[in-house]
Each structure stands twice: as C-alpha cells, then as structure tokens.
N, C-alpha and C. Protein backbone atom coordinates (compact mmCIF):
# COMPACT_ATOMS: atom_id res chain seq x y z
N MET A 1 92.98 107.04 110.29
CA MET A 1 92.18 107.11 109.23
C MET A 1 90.87 107.59 109.47
N ALA A 2 90.30 107.30 110.72
CA ALA A 2 89.00 107.75 111.14
C ALA A 2 88.91 109.26 111.14
N ASN A 3 89.99 109.89 111.76
CA ASN A 3 89.92 111.29 111.81
C ASN A 3 90.04 112.00 110.66
N GLN A 4 90.64 111.53 109.69
CA GLN A 4 90.70 111.87 108.34
C GLN A 4 89.38 111.90 107.63
N LYS A 5 88.72 110.84 107.94
CA LYS A 5 87.34 110.75 107.18
C LYS A 5 86.44 111.79 107.87
N GLN A 6 86.53 112.18 109.23
CA GLN A 6 85.66 113.13 109.78
C GLN A 6 85.90 114.38 109.29
N THR A 7 87.01 114.83 108.89
CA THR A 7 87.62 116.05 108.71
C THR A 7 87.54 116.39 107.08
N ALA A 8 87.38 115.30 106.25
CA ALA A 8 87.51 115.40 104.84
C ALA A 8 86.42 116.39 104.25
N ALA A 9 86.83 117.18 103.18
CA ALA A 9 85.81 117.81 102.54
C ALA A 9 84.97 116.82 101.77
N PRO A 10 83.58 117.36 101.41
CA PRO A 10 82.66 116.35 100.75
C PRO A 10 83.16 115.87 99.53
N GLU A 11 83.92 116.58 98.70
CA GLU A 11 84.44 116.08 97.59
C GLU A 11 85.56 115.03 97.66
N ASN A 12 86.13 114.98 98.98
CA ASN A 12 87.10 113.77 99.10
C ASN A 12 86.71 112.76 99.91
N ILE A 13 85.33 112.74 100.31
CA ILE A 13 84.79 111.54 101.08
C ILE A 13 84.85 110.23 100.24
N GLU A 14 84.66 110.21 99.01
CA GLU A 14 84.62 109.17 98.25
C GLU A 14 85.95 108.59 98.06
N VAL A 15 87.05 109.41 97.98
CA VAL A 15 88.36 108.90 97.96
C VAL A 15 88.86 108.34 99.23
N VAL A 16 88.45 109.02 100.26
CA VAL A 16 88.78 108.53 101.66
C VAL A 16 88.18 107.04 101.85
N ASN A 17 86.90 107.09 101.54
CA ASN A 17 86.26 105.81 101.77
C ASN A 17 86.86 104.62 100.87
N ALA A 18 87.22 105.07 99.69
CA ALA A 18 87.83 104.14 98.92
C ALA A 18 89.20 103.67 99.40
N THR A 19 89.96 104.56 99.88
CA THR A 19 91.15 104.25 100.55
C THR A 19 91.18 103.41 101.62
N GLU A 20 90.01 103.56 102.69
CA GLU A 20 89.83 102.80 103.79
C GLU A 20 89.61 101.44 103.38
N ALA A 21 88.71 101.23 102.35
CA ALA A 21 88.30 99.86 101.92
C ALA A 21 89.52 99.39 101.32
N PHE A 22 90.34 100.07 100.61
CA PHE A 22 91.54 99.37 100.06
C PHE A 22 92.40 98.79 101.06
N VAL A 23 92.58 99.62 102.23
CA VAL A 23 93.51 99.32 103.22
C VAL A 23 93.04 98.00 104.00
N ASP A 24 91.54 98.02 104.18
CA ASP A 24 91.06 96.88 104.88
C ASP A 24 91.29 95.55 103.90
N LYS A 25 90.99 95.75 102.62
CA LYS A 25 91.19 94.65 101.77
C LYS A 25 92.51 94.03 101.68
N TYR A 26 93.57 94.95 101.73
CA TYR A 26 94.91 94.54 101.48
C TYR A 26 95.76 94.38 102.62
N LYS A 27 95.33 94.86 103.74
CA LYS A 27 96.27 94.73 104.97
C LYS A 27 96.50 93.29 105.24
N LYS A 28 95.50 92.53 105.44
CA LYS A 28 95.86 91.07 105.74
C LYS A 28 96.36 90.38 104.49
N LEU A 29 96.11 90.91 103.37
CA LEU A 29 96.77 90.31 102.19
C LEU A 29 98.32 90.39 102.12
N ILE A 30 98.74 91.58 102.52
CA ILE A 30 100.17 91.75 102.54
C ILE A 30 100.74 90.90 103.58
N ILE A 31 100.06 91.03 104.90
CA ILE A 31 100.60 90.20 105.96
C ILE A 31 100.75 88.73 105.50
N THR A 32 99.60 88.33 105.04
CA THR A 32 99.51 86.81 104.61
C THR A 32 100.61 86.63 103.59
N GLY A 33 100.84 87.44 102.83
CA GLY A 33 101.96 87.26 101.59
C GLY A 33 103.35 87.08 102.43
N VAL A 34 103.46 87.96 103.30
CA VAL A 34 104.86 87.81 104.10
C VAL A 34 104.87 86.48 104.80
N VAL A 35 103.74 86.14 105.38
CA VAL A 35 103.69 84.81 106.04
C VAL A 35 104.11 83.77 105.05
N ALA A 36 103.50 83.87 103.91
CA ALA A 36 103.77 82.67 102.74
C ALA A 36 105.14 82.73 102.39
N VAL A 37 105.81 83.93 102.20
CA VAL A 37 107.28 84.07 101.94
C VAL A 37 107.95 83.31 103.04
N PHE A 38 107.69 83.58 104.33
CA PHE A 38 108.50 83.06 105.29
C PHE A 38 108.21 81.41 105.33
N ALA A 39 107.09 81.08 105.11
CA ALA A 39 106.78 79.67 105.17
C ALA A 39 107.61 78.76 104.21
N CYS A 40 108.11 79.47 103.00
CA CYS A 40 108.91 78.87 102.09
C CYS A 40 110.37 79.08 102.44
N ALA A 41 110.61 80.24 103.11
CA ALA A 41 111.95 80.61 103.12
C ALA A 41 112.70 80.22 104.48
N ALA A 42 111.71 79.87 105.51
CA ALA A 42 112.10 79.73 107.00
C ALA A 42 113.31 78.69 107.07
N LEU A 43 113.07 77.60 106.37
CA LEU A 43 114.20 76.58 106.63
C LEU A 43 115.51 76.77 106.09
N ILE A 44 115.51 77.71 104.92
CA ILE A 44 116.63 78.14 104.16
C ILE A 44 117.40 79.08 105.16
N ILE A 45 116.58 79.96 105.51
CA ILE A 45 117.12 81.20 106.50
C ILE A 45 117.56 80.64 107.74
N GLY A 46 116.81 79.68 108.30
CA GLY A 46 117.24 79.10 109.62
C GLY A 46 118.59 78.24 109.41
N TRP A 47 118.65 77.56 108.28
CA TRP A 47 119.96 76.88 108.09
C TRP A 47 121.10 77.70 107.98
N ASN A 48 121.03 78.83 107.16
CA ASN A 48 121.98 79.78 106.94
C ASN A 48 122.42 80.33 108.15
N ALA A 49 121.47 80.71 108.97
CA ALA A 49 121.87 81.39 110.39
C ALA A 49 122.75 80.36 111.15
N TYR A 50 122.09 79.06 111.26
CA TYR A 50 122.73 77.97 112.01
C TYR A 50 124.10 77.59 111.69
N SER A 51 124.32 77.71 110.34
CA SER A 51 125.59 77.35 109.83
C SER A 51 126.75 78.36 110.44
N SER A 52 126.40 79.39 110.85
CA SER A 52 127.50 80.32 111.40
C SER A 52 127.58 80.06 112.90
N SER A 53 128.76 79.84 113.38
CA SER A 53 128.87 79.39 114.82
C SER A 53 128.43 80.63 115.77
N ASN A 54 128.55 81.83 115.18
CA ASN A 54 128.12 82.98 116.05
C ASN A 54 126.55 82.90 116.23
N ASN A 55 125.82 82.26 115.38
CA ASN A 55 124.33 82.26 115.45
C ASN A 55 123.98 81.02 115.93
N GLN A 56 124.66 80.05 116.17
CA GLN A 56 124.29 78.70 116.65
C GLN A 56 123.14 78.72 117.76
N LYS A 57 123.46 79.35 118.93
CA LYS A 57 122.42 79.30 119.89
C LYS A 57 121.24 80.00 119.61
N ALA A 58 121.24 81.23 118.89
CA ALA A 58 120.11 81.93 118.46
C ALA A 58 119.26 81.17 117.50
N SER A 59 119.93 80.42 116.68
CA SER A 59 119.12 79.39 115.66
C SER A 59 118.47 78.42 116.34
N GLU A 60 119.18 77.87 117.36
CA GLU A 60 118.49 76.76 118.15
C GLU A 60 117.40 77.29 118.82
N ALA A 61 117.34 78.54 119.33
CA ALA A 61 116.14 79.18 120.01
C ALA A 61 115.14 79.40 118.95
N LEU A 62 115.44 79.90 117.87
CA LEU A 62 114.63 80.30 116.83
C LEU A 62 113.72 79.09 116.19
N PHE A 63 114.41 78.11 116.04
CA PHE A 63 113.69 76.99 115.34
C PHE A 63 112.29 76.48 115.97
N PRO A 64 112.18 76.21 117.27
CA PRO A 64 110.74 75.76 117.67
C PRO A 64 109.80 76.89 117.43
N CYS A 65 110.21 78.16 117.51
CA CYS A 65 109.26 79.37 117.19
C CYS A 65 108.77 79.27 115.79
N GLU A 66 109.81 78.98 114.99
CA GLU A 66 109.42 78.95 113.47
C GLU A 66 108.38 77.92 113.24
N ASN A 67 108.31 76.67 113.86
CA ASN A 67 107.43 75.72 113.76
C ASN A 67 106.06 76.35 114.08
N TYR A 68 105.83 76.86 115.22
CA TYR A 68 104.59 77.51 115.58
C TYR A 68 104.13 78.45 114.57
N PHE A 69 105.13 79.33 114.12
CA PHE A 69 104.87 80.29 113.11
C PHE A 69 104.22 79.70 111.74
N THR A 70 104.91 78.76 111.22
CA THR A 70 104.40 78.10 110.02
C THR A 70 103.12 77.40 110.38
N GLU A 71 102.65 76.95 111.63
CA GLU A 71 101.40 76.41 111.73
C GLU A 71 100.32 77.57 111.94
N GLY A 72 100.68 78.80 112.17
CA GLY A 72 99.71 79.89 112.23
C GLY A 72 99.44 80.02 113.73
N ASN A 73 100.22 79.51 114.76
CA ASN A 73 100.00 79.69 116.14
C ASN A 73 100.91 80.98 116.47
N PHE A 74 100.31 82.14 116.17
CA PHE A 74 101.27 83.36 116.30
C PHE A 74 101.50 83.65 117.82
N GLU A 75 100.40 83.22 118.83
CA GLU A 75 100.64 83.56 120.10
C GLU A 75 101.84 82.87 120.72
N LYS A 76 101.89 81.51 120.39
CA LYS A 76 102.99 80.78 120.92
C LYS A 76 104.36 81.17 120.36
N ALA A 77 104.35 81.34 119.11
CA ALA A 77 105.50 81.70 118.32
C ALA A 77 106.02 83.01 118.96
N LEU A 78 105.14 83.93 119.39
CA LEU A 78 105.61 85.15 119.80
C LEU A 78 106.06 85.16 121.19
N ASN A 79 105.42 84.39 122.09
CA ASN A 79 105.69 84.45 123.49
C ASN A 79 106.22 83.20 124.08
N GLY A 80 106.27 82.08 123.27
CA GLY A 80 106.81 80.88 123.65
C GLY A 80 105.63 79.93 124.33
N ASP A 81 106.08 78.74 124.58
CA ASP A 81 105.11 77.80 125.07
C ASP A 81 105.50 77.22 126.46
N GLY A 82 106.42 77.77 127.20
CA GLY A 82 106.79 77.38 128.50
C GLY A 82 107.65 76.18 128.50
N ALA A 83 108.07 75.69 127.41
CA ALA A 83 108.96 74.53 127.18
C ALA A 83 110.04 74.86 126.26
N GLN A 84 110.14 74.24 124.99
CA GLN A 84 111.32 74.38 124.19
C GLN A 84 111.20 75.69 123.53
N CYS A 85 110.14 76.37 123.29
CA CYS A 85 109.91 77.44 122.43
C CYS A 85 109.97 78.75 123.54
N VAL A 86 110.97 79.61 123.23
CA VAL A 86 111.02 80.67 124.19
C VAL A 86 110.31 81.95 123.69
N GLY A 87 109.97 81.89 122.27
CA GLY A 87 109.25 83.02 121.75
C GLY A 87 110.18 83.92 120.97
N PHE A 88 109.67 84.44 119.78
CA PHE A 88 110.48 85.43 119.12
C PHE A 88 110.93 86.62 119.84
N LEU A 89 109.92 87.16 120.74
CA LEU A 89 110.36 88.28 121.44
C LEU A 89 111.59 88.06 122.40
N LYS A 90 111.79 86.77 122.94
CA LYS A 90 112.82 86.63 123.82
C LYS A 90 114.12 86.31 122.91
N VAL A 91 113.99 85.63 121.79
CA VAL A 91 115.02 85.54 120.77
C VAL A 91 115.54 86.84 120.43
N ALA A 92 114.67 87.74 120.09
CA ALA A 92 115.17 89.08 119.56
C ALA A 92 115.87 89.78 120.84
N GLU A 93 115.35 89.71 121.98
CA GLU A 93 115.97 90.39 122.97
C GLU A 93 117.36 89.84 123.38
N ASP A 94 117.42 88.49 123.43
CA ASP A 94 118.72 87.93 123.83
C ASP A 94 119.71 87.84 122.71
N TYR A 95 119.33 87.83 121.47
CA TYR A 95 120.35 87.65 120.36
C TYR A 95 120.14 88.53 119.21
N GLY A 96 119.67 89.85 119.58
CA GLY A 96 119.43 90.77 118.57
C GLY A 96 120.55 91.10 117.59
N SER A 97 121.71 90.99 118.04
CA SER A 97 123.06 91.35 117.17
C SER A 97 123.31 90.20 116.25
N THR A 98 122.59 88.96 116.34
CA THR A 98 122.89 87.97 115.46
C THR A 98 121.88 88.03 114.25
N LYS A 99 122.29 87.24 113.21
CA LYS A 99 121.31 87.07 112.11
C LYS A 99 120.01 86.45 112.51
N ALA A 100 120.09 85.45 113.15
CA ALA A 100 118.94 84.91 113.72
C ALA A 100 117.95 85.74 114.71
N GLY A 101 118.79 86.45 115.54
CA GLY A 101 118.02 87.61 116.38
C GLY A 101 117.38 88.59 115.58
N ASN A 102 118.06 89.08 114.55
CA ASN A 102 117.55 90.01 113.66
C ASN A 102 116.34 89.44 113.04
N LEU A 103 116.32 88.24 112.54
CA LEU A 103 115.19 87.60 111.92
C LEU A 103 113.95 87.54 112.98
N ALA A 104 114.30 87.35 114.15
CA ALA A 104 113.33 87.24 115.23
C ALA A 104 112.28 88.50 115.27
N HIS A 105 113.15 89.58 115.07
CA HIS A 105 112.34 90.89 115.09
C HIS A 105 111.37 90.95 114.07
N LEU A 106 111.76 90.39 112.75
CA LEU A 106 110.61 90.41 111.81
C LEU A 106 109.56 89.39 112.08
N TYR A 107 109.95 88.21 112.48
CA TYR A 107 108.98 87.22 112.82
C TYR A 107 107.90 87.81 113.89
N ALA A 108 108.61 88.36 114.88
CA ALA A 108 107.69 89.01 116.00
C ALA A 108 106.70 90.08 115.35
N GLY A 109 107.22 91.00 114.50
CA GLY A 109 106.55 92.07 113.85
C GLY A 109 105.29 91.38 113.26
N ILE A 110 105.53 90.37 112.43
CA ILE A 110 104.39 89.74 111.56
C ILE A 110 103.47 89.10 112.65
N CYS A 111 103.90 88.43 113.67
CA CYS A 111 102.94 87.96 114.68
C CYS A 111 102.17 89.07 115.27
N LEU A 112 102.68 90.10 115.68
CA LEU A 112 101.94 91.07 116.23
C LEU A 112 100.90 91.78 115.38
N ALA A 113 101.38 92.07 114.18
CA ALA A 113 100.44 92.65 113.08
C ALA A 113 99.39 91.59 112.83
N GLN A 114 99.58 90.25 112.74
CA GLN A 114 98.50 89.25 112.66
C GLN A 114 97.48 89.48 113.77
N THR A 115 97.80 89.87 114.92
CA THR A 115 96.86 89.92 116.10
C THR A 115 96.44 91.51 116.40
N ASP A 116 96.82 92.21 115.35
CA ASP A 116 96.25 93.53 115.34
C ASP A 116 96.99 94.42 116.40
N LYS A 117 98.12 94.14 116.76
CA LYS A 117 98.87 94.90 117.93
C LYS A 117 99.92 95.67 117.11
N PHE A 118 99.38 96.79 116.33
CA PHE A 118 100.20 97.49 115.49
C PHE A 118 101.21 98.33 115.97
N ASP A 119 101.10 98.86 117.15
CA ASP A 119 102.10 99.80 117.66
C ASP A 119 103.33 98.94 118.00
N ASP A 120 103.20 97.68 118.67
CA ASP A 120 104.16 96.89 118.94
C ASP A 120 104.80 96.26 117.79
N ALA A 121 103.96 95.98 116.85
CA ALA A 121 104.25 95.33 115.41
C ALA A 121 105.43 96.39 114.84
N ALA A 122 104.97 97.63 114.86
CA ALA A 122 105.95 98.67 114.14
C ALA A 122 107.23 98.71 114.94
N LYS A 123 107.13 98.58 116.28
CA LYS A 123 108.60 98.77 116.90
C LYS A 123 109.48 97.53 116.44
N GLN A 124 108.93 96.32 116.51
CA GLN A 124 109.61 95.16 116.07
C GLN A 124 110.17 95.27 114.59
N LEU A 125 109.19 95.64 113.59
CA LEU A 125 109.67 95.74 112.34
C LEU A 125 110.69 96.81 112.07
N GLU A 126 110.62 97.95 112.80
CA GLU A 126 111.62 98.91 112.60
C GLU A 126 112.97 98.45 113.08
N LYS A 127 112.96 97.58 114.03
CA LYS A 127 114.25 97.02 114.43
C LYS A 127 114.93 96.01 113.50
N PHE A 128 114.15 95.40 112.53
CA PHE A 128 114.65 94.36 111.68
C PHE A 128 115.50 95.14 110.62
N ASP A 129 116.67 94.62 110.41
CA ASP A 129 117.68 95.18 109.56
C ASP A 129 117.52 94.51 108.19
N THR A 130 116.85 95.23 107.26
CA THR A 130 116.57 94.58 106.03
C THR A 130 117.79 94.30 105.30
N GLN A 131 117.89 93.06 104.62
CA GLN A 131 118.99 92.67 103.91
C GLN A 131 118.91 92.92 102.32
N ASP A 132 120.04 92.69 101.66
CA ASP A 132 119.97 92.99 100.09
C ASP A 132 119.55 91.73 99.42
N ASP A 133 118.23 91.50 99.72
CA ASP A 133 117.45 90.34 98.96
C ASP A 133 116.34 90.78 98.24
N ASP A 134 115.95 89.97 97.35
CA ASP A 134 114.68 90.34 96.50
C ASP A 134 113.42 89.52 97.07
N LEU A 135 113.52 88.79 98.13
CA LEU A 135 112.38 88.07 98.54
C LEU A 135 111.77 88.56 100.06
N ILE A 136 112.48 88.82 100.86
CA ILE A 136 111.91 89.00 102.20
C ILE A 136 111.89 90.44 102.47
N SER A 137 112.91 91.18 102.21
CA SER A 137 113.03 92.57 102.59
C SER A 137 111.87 93.48 101.97
N PRO A 138 111.68 93.26 100.74
CA PRO A 138 110.60 94.25 100.23
C PRO A 138 109.16 93.95 100.82
N ALA A 139 108.96 92.62 101.15
CA ALA A 139 107.65 92.22 101.82
C ALA A 139 107.71 92.79 103.19
N ALA A 140 108.85 92.74 103.88
CA ALA A 140 108.91 93.25 105.17
C ALA A 140 108.68 94.74 105.29
N ILE A 141 109.33 95.53 104.39
CA ILE A 141 109.05 96.89 104.37
C ILE A 141 107.61 97.32 103.97
N GLY A 142 107.08 96.42 102.94
CA GLY A 142 105.66 96.70 102.71
C GLY A 142 104.66 96.48 103.91
N LEU A 143 105.08 95.46 104.68
CA LEU A 143 104.23 95.16 105.83
C LEU A 143 104.41 96.29 106.81
N LEU A 144 105.57 96.89 106.95
CA LEU A 144 105.79 98.06 107.87
C LEU A 144 104.87 99.18 107.39
N GLY A 145 104.85 99.45 106.04
CA GLY A 145 103.98 100.56 105.51
C GLY A 145 102.58 100.26 105.80
N ASN A 146 102.20 99.02 105.75
CA ASN A 146 100.73 98.66 106.11
C ASN A 146 100.50 99.08 107.72
N VAL A 147 101.44 98.60 108.38
CA VAL A 147 101.13 98.72 109.82
C VAL A 147 101.08 100.31 110.26
N TYR A 148 102.02 101.14 109.57
CA TYR A 148 101.77 102.65 109.64
C TYR A 148 100.55 103.21 109.19
N VAL A 149 99.84 102.41 108.21
CA VAL A 149 98.57 102.95 107.72
C VAL A 149 97.47 102.70 108.92
N SER A 150 97.83 101.35 109.40
CA SER A 150 96.70 101.02 110.45
C SER A 150 96.99 101.88 111.86
N LEU A 151 98.14 102.58 111.94
CA LEU A 151 98.36 103.41 113.11
C LEU A 151 98.09 104.89 112.67
N GLY A 152 97.54 105.15 111.46
CA GLY A 152 97.23 106.47 110.97
C GLY A 152 98.37 107.37 110.69
N GLN A 153 99.50 106.64 110.60
CA GLN A 153 100.63 107.52 110.23
C GLN A 153 100.94 107.65 108.63
N LYS A 154 99.98 108.42 108.14
CA LYS A 154 99.98 108.19 106.65
C LYS A 154 101.25 108.77 105.75
N ASP A 155 101.83 109.80 106.38
CA ASP A 155 103.07 110.16 105.56
C ASP A 155 104.17 109.20 105.71
N LYS A 156 104.36 108.53 106.85
CA LYS A 156 105.22 107.56 106.91
C LYS A 156 104.90 106.24 106.17
N ALA A 157 103.67 105.99 106.02
CA ALA A 157 103.11 104.93 105.25
C ALA A 157 103.46 105.02 103.77
N ILE A 158 103.17 106.27 103.28
CA ILE A 158 103.38 106.50 101.83
C ILE A 158 104.91 106.33 101.51
N GLU A 159 105.76 106.92 102.29
CA GLU A 159 107.25 106.83 101.92
C GLU A 159 107.64 105.38 102.15
N THR A 160 107.13 104.68 103.16
CA THR A 160 107.58 103.25 103.27
C THR A 160 107.00 102.35 102.22
N LEU A 161 105.76 102.52 101.80
CA LEU A 161 105.38 101.84 100.62
C LEU A 161 106.08 101.91 99.31
N LYS A 162 106.35 103.18 99.17
CA LYS A 162 107.09 103.59 97.92
C LYS A 162 108.52 103.05 98.06
N LYS A 163 109.15 102.96 99.20
CA LYS A 163 110.41 102.22 99.29
C LYS A 163 110.32 100.71 99.15
N ALA A 164 109.21 100.26 99.68
CA ALA A 164 108.95 98.72 99.38
C ALA A 164 108.81 98.50 98.04
N ALA A 165 108.19 99.35 97.22
CA ALA A 165 107.92 98.99 95.70
C ALA A 165 109.19 99.02 94.90
N LYS A 166 110.03 100.08 95.23
CA LYS A 166 111.36 100.21 94.81
C LYS A 166 112.30 99.07 94.94
N ARG A 167 112.30 98.56 96.25
CA ARG A 167 113.07 97.42 96.65
C ARG A 167 112.65 96.19 96.00
N ALA A 168 111.24 95.96 95.88
CA ALA A 168 110.72 94.79 95.17
C ALA A 168 111.11 94.76 93.66
N ASP A 169 110.72 95.82 93.12
CA ASP A 169 110.84 96.00 91.60
C ASP A 169 110.34 94.83 90.83
N ASN A 170 109.13 94.38 91.18
CA ASN A 170 108.54 93.18 90.36
C ASN A 170 107.15 93.46 90.24
N PRO A 171 106.52 92.70 89.26
CA PRO A 171 105.15 93.00 88.89
C PRO A 171 104.17 92.28 90.01
N SER A 172 104.61 91.64 90.86
CA SER A 172 103.89 91.03 91.90
C SER A 172 103.47 91.99 93.14
N LEU A 173 104.69 92.55 93.73
CA LEU A 173 104.52 93.35 94.90
C LEU A 173 104.41 94.79 94.64
N SER A 174 105.38 95.27 93.65
CA SER A 174 105.52 96.65 93.46
C SER A 174 104.23 97.39 93.10
N PRO A 175 103.35 96.83 92.15
CA PRO A 175 102.09 97.68 91.90
C PRO A 175 101.10 97.73 93.16
N THR A 176 101.17 96.62 93.88
CA THR A 176 100.27 96.84 95.12
C THR A 176 100.67 97.70 96.07
N PHE A 177 102.02 97.99 96.26
CA PHE A 177 102.52 99.01 97.13
C PHE A 177 102.41 100.28 96.56
N LEU A 178 102.49 100.46 95.29
CA LEU A 178 102.42 101.92 94.60
C LEU A 178 101.04 102.35 94.56
N VAL A 179 100.05 101.25 94.28
CA VAL A 179 98.63 101.82 94.30
C VAL A 179 98.25 102.09 95.84
N GLN A 180 98.59 101.37 96.76
CA GLN A 180 98.31 101.74 98.03
C GLN A 180 98.80 103.09 98.40
N ALA A 181 100.00 103.41 98.08
CA ALA A 181 100.69 104.82 98.38
C ALA A 181 99.91 105.88 97.56
N GLY A 182 99.47 105.42 96.34
CA GLY A 182 98.78 106.42 95.51
C GLY A 182 97.30 106.80 96.06
N GLN A 183 96.80 105.77 96.70
CA GLN A 183 95.37 105.95 97.32
C GLN A 183 95.50 106.89 98.54
N LEU A 184 96.53 106.72 99.20
CA LEU A 184 96.79 107.36 100.46
C LEU A 184 97.06 108.81 100.02
N LEU A 185 97.66 109.13 99.00
CA LEU A 185 97.91 110.51 98.53
C LEU A 185 96.77 111.13 97.92
N GLU A 186 95.85 110.22 97.35
CA GLU A 186 94.66 110.92 96.92
C GLU A 186 93.68 111.36 98.11
N ALA A 187 93.68 110.46 99.12
CA ALA A 187 92.99 110.95 100.31
C ALA A 187 93.58 112.14 101.04
N ASP A 188 94.83 112.48 100.65
CA ASP A 188 95.42 113.72 101.18
C ASP A 188 95.22 114.90 100.38
N GLY A 189 94.58 114.70 99.21
CA GLY A 189 94.37 115.67 98.22
C GLY A 189 95.52 115.89 97.25
N GLN A 190 96.43 115.05 97.24
CA GLN A 190 97.51 115.16 96.41
C GLN A 190 97.46 114.10 95.17
N LYS A 191 96.53 114.49 94.28
CA LYS A 191 96.13 113.70 93.19
C LYS A 191 97.39 113.70 92.10
N GLU A 192 98.02 114.68 91.92
CA GLU A 192 99.02 114.79 90.91
C GLU A 192 100.13 113.82 91.36
N GLN A 193 100.39 113.76 92.67
CA GLN A 193 101.48 112.76 93.03
C GLN A 193 101.01 111.31 92.85
N ALA A 194 99.64 111.18 93.23
CA ALA A 194 99.19 109.79 93.09
C ALA A 194 99.05 109.36 91.68
N LEU A 195 98.85 110.18 90.76
CA LEU A 195 98.70 109.89 89.38
C LEU A 195 100.07 109.45 88.86
N LYS A 196 101.07 110.03 89.33
CA LYS A 196 102.48 109.57 89.00
C LYS A 196 102.69 108.04 89.39
N LEU A 197 102.17 107.77 90.47
CA LEU A 197 102.49 106.35 91.06
C LEU A 197 101.58 105.39 90.15
N TYR A 198 100.31 105.87 89.77
CA TYR A 198 99.51 104.93 89.07
C TYR A 198 100.02 104.80 87.67
N GLN A 199 100.66 105.90 87.00
CA GLN A 199 101.25 105.76 85.72
C GLN A 199 102.43 104.94 85.72
N GLU A 200 103.13 105.00 86.84
CA GLU A 200 104.38 104.03 87.01
C GLU A 200 103.98 102.68 87.02
N VAL A 201 102.78 102.25 87.67
CA VAL A 201 102.39 100.95 87.52
C VAL A 201 102.13 100.53 86.20
N LYS A 202 101.39 101.29 85.43
CA LYS A 202 100.93 101.05 84.12
C LYS A 202 102.22 100.93 83.07
N ASN A 203 103.06 101.76 83.20
CA ASN A 203 104.20 101.90 82.32
C ASN A 203 105.24 100.78 82.68
N LYS A 204 105.55 100.70 84.08
CA LYS A 204 106.70 99.82 84.36
C LYS A 204 106.34 98.37 84.59
N TYR A 205 105.10 98.15 84.94
CA TYR A 205 104.63 96.74 85.23
C TYR A 205 103.40 96.41 84.39
N PRO A 206 103.44 96.21 83.09
CA PRO A 206 102.40 96.00 82.25
C PRO A 206 101.85 94.67 82.46
N THR A 207 102.75 93.70 83.03
CA THR A 207 102.04 92.39 83.19
C THR A 207 101.48 92.17 84.50
N SER A 208 101.44 93.34 85.36
CA SER A 208 100.72 93.10 86.68
C SER A 208 99.29 92.92 86.61
N MET A 209 98.71 92.38 87.55
CA MET A 209 97.29 92.14 87.63
C MET A 209 96.57 93.56 87.57
N ALA A 210 97.04 94.52 88.16
CA ALA A 210 96.40 95.75 88.15
C ALA A 210 96.22 96.33 86.88
N VAL A 211 97.32 95.99 85.83
CA VAL A 211 97.22 96.42 84.39
C VAL A 211 96.39 95.49 83.75
N GLN A 212 96.61 94.30 83.86
CA GLN A 212 95.92 93.21 83.00
C GLN A 212 94.31 93.31 83.29
N THR A 213 93.98 93.67 84.48
CA THR A 213 92.53 93.70 84.68
C THR A 213 91.96 95.29 84.40
N ARG A 214 92.87 96.10 84.07
CA ARG A 214 92.55 97.40 83.69
C ARG A 214 91.94 98.25 84.98
N GLU A 215 92.31 97.64 86.18
CA GLU A 215 92.09 98.26 87.35
C GLU A 215 92.70 99.60 87.49
N ILE A 216 94.02 99.68 86.98
CA ILE A 216 94.72 100.80 87.23
C ILE A 216 94.15 101.98 86.35
N GLU A 217 93.50 101.63 85.33
CA GLU A 217 92.86 102.74 84.41
C GLU A 217 91.90 103.54 85.20
N ALA A 218 91.15 102.86 86.04
CA ALA A 218 90.14 103.63 87.03
C ALA A 218 90.94 104.45 87.97
N TYR A 219 92.00 104.19 88.31
CA TYR A 219 92.79 104.92 89.29
C TYR A 219 93.29 106.10 88.53
N ILE A 220 93.91 105.95 87.52
CA ILE A 220 94.47 106.87 86.57
C ILE A 220 93.39 107.98 86.15
N GLU A 221 92.07 107.52 85.81
CA GLU A 221 91.16 108.44 85.45
C GLU A 221 90.59 109.19 86.70
N ARG A 222 90.47 108.54 87.78
CA ARG A 222 90.05 109.40 89.00
C ARG A 222 90.88 110.35 89.53
N ALA A 223 92.31 110.05 89.43
CA ALA A 223 93.29 111.06 89.73
C ALA A 223 93.61 112.11 88.78
N SER A 224 93.08 112.01 87.55
CA SER A 224 93.24 112.92 86.53
C SER A 224 92.19 114.02 86.58
N ASN A 225 91.09 113.70 87.11
CA ASN A 225 89.97 114.65 87.14
C ASN A 225 90.07 115.59 88.47
C-alpha cells in the first residue's frame, strides 16, 4: 500500500489515504471477528472432529491449543507450551489430512495474523479447506483477503473479499467485505467497479450498518464523481 501511495496521482491521494485508513481500521476488526466466531464455535467443532475415530488423535492434540487460543495467548496456541499443547502448527503438520488438522491451519493463520506475521498467515489460511457453512468459512476467506491487503497484494485481496461477501451473504459480514473491496478498487482508479459494489451493499443489504448510518451514500457519491 505504501508504494501505491507514493506513485498515486494527486487526484487519487485522498482515495488512497482513505483506503489505508479503512484497512487499518478494519483489519483488526475482521481478525477479532473471526476470533469471536471461533470462541463460540470451537467446542462444537472440536467435538465434531473428536467424534470421528479418524480425527481422534488430531482432536486430542488440538484441544489444549484451543484453550490458549480462546484466552488470547496466540504464541503458545501457535507454537505450543512444551507440555500438553504442541501448537497449531504442529497439529496442522502432523494431521493436515484430518478435519481437526485442517482446522489447525485456520487457527494458525489467525494467530499469525494477530501477531502481524502476514506472509506466514497467508500460507496457513490458503491451506485451510473452506467448508460449506455460513459461519466460519466466510470469516476465514475475509481474513485471508485482509491478509492480502496487508501484503500489498491488492488484486488478490479484491477478489478474495468479493468471494467472502458472496459466501457470507448476510448484512453483518458481506457489506464490510464489499466496501473494503470497493475502496481498494477506488484506489486503483476503478471507480465504476467500486460503485457497483457500493450499490450492491445499498440494494442487497438495506438493514446493514453501512446503509443504516448512510455511510454507504458517501462512498456512492465519491465513486460517482
């Protein structure tokens, strides 16, 4: 993003600055949102993984790491404590073909993103096999999009955020991802494409916070000029 800001034409500097401020504002929010989802779902997911005999060992290894994760101790959750917790990275490496091992990739990606290790976070999140669910997969895809933003991979970020919005298809997550993608498009001079995303938020998610606060109107007006 820094390079884009240096090379931006004067008329685009305001949009670039707004985009960077948006990313700074929402990056941790999305990560925190994913953590909150996992805090609620971890026990259910862990039990479902444990109930399958093929995942039993992986689940047993995962459980102590989940405890550190829900406490916010991301370093120990990721790398282990030298005792019962071997760490998400080790679980993912040893049991990657299992459901619990797959989940460990996502947990590891979140931990790495929380500690600003975005390159490693992207590698772990890319290994996570998203499932056909309405809760975790959209948040995980959105997190990956935000990680791409932090890595300066704007095109990949835009497509990933749009994918996350489509997968979520709800007024809580989708508008956030669509607005993020729109601001990245604006920074790239693609106002028409950005406008389409803003209008999608307004028309498809009228109960969303972005519409209720009329924040989306400001984006639409800016992209229309």
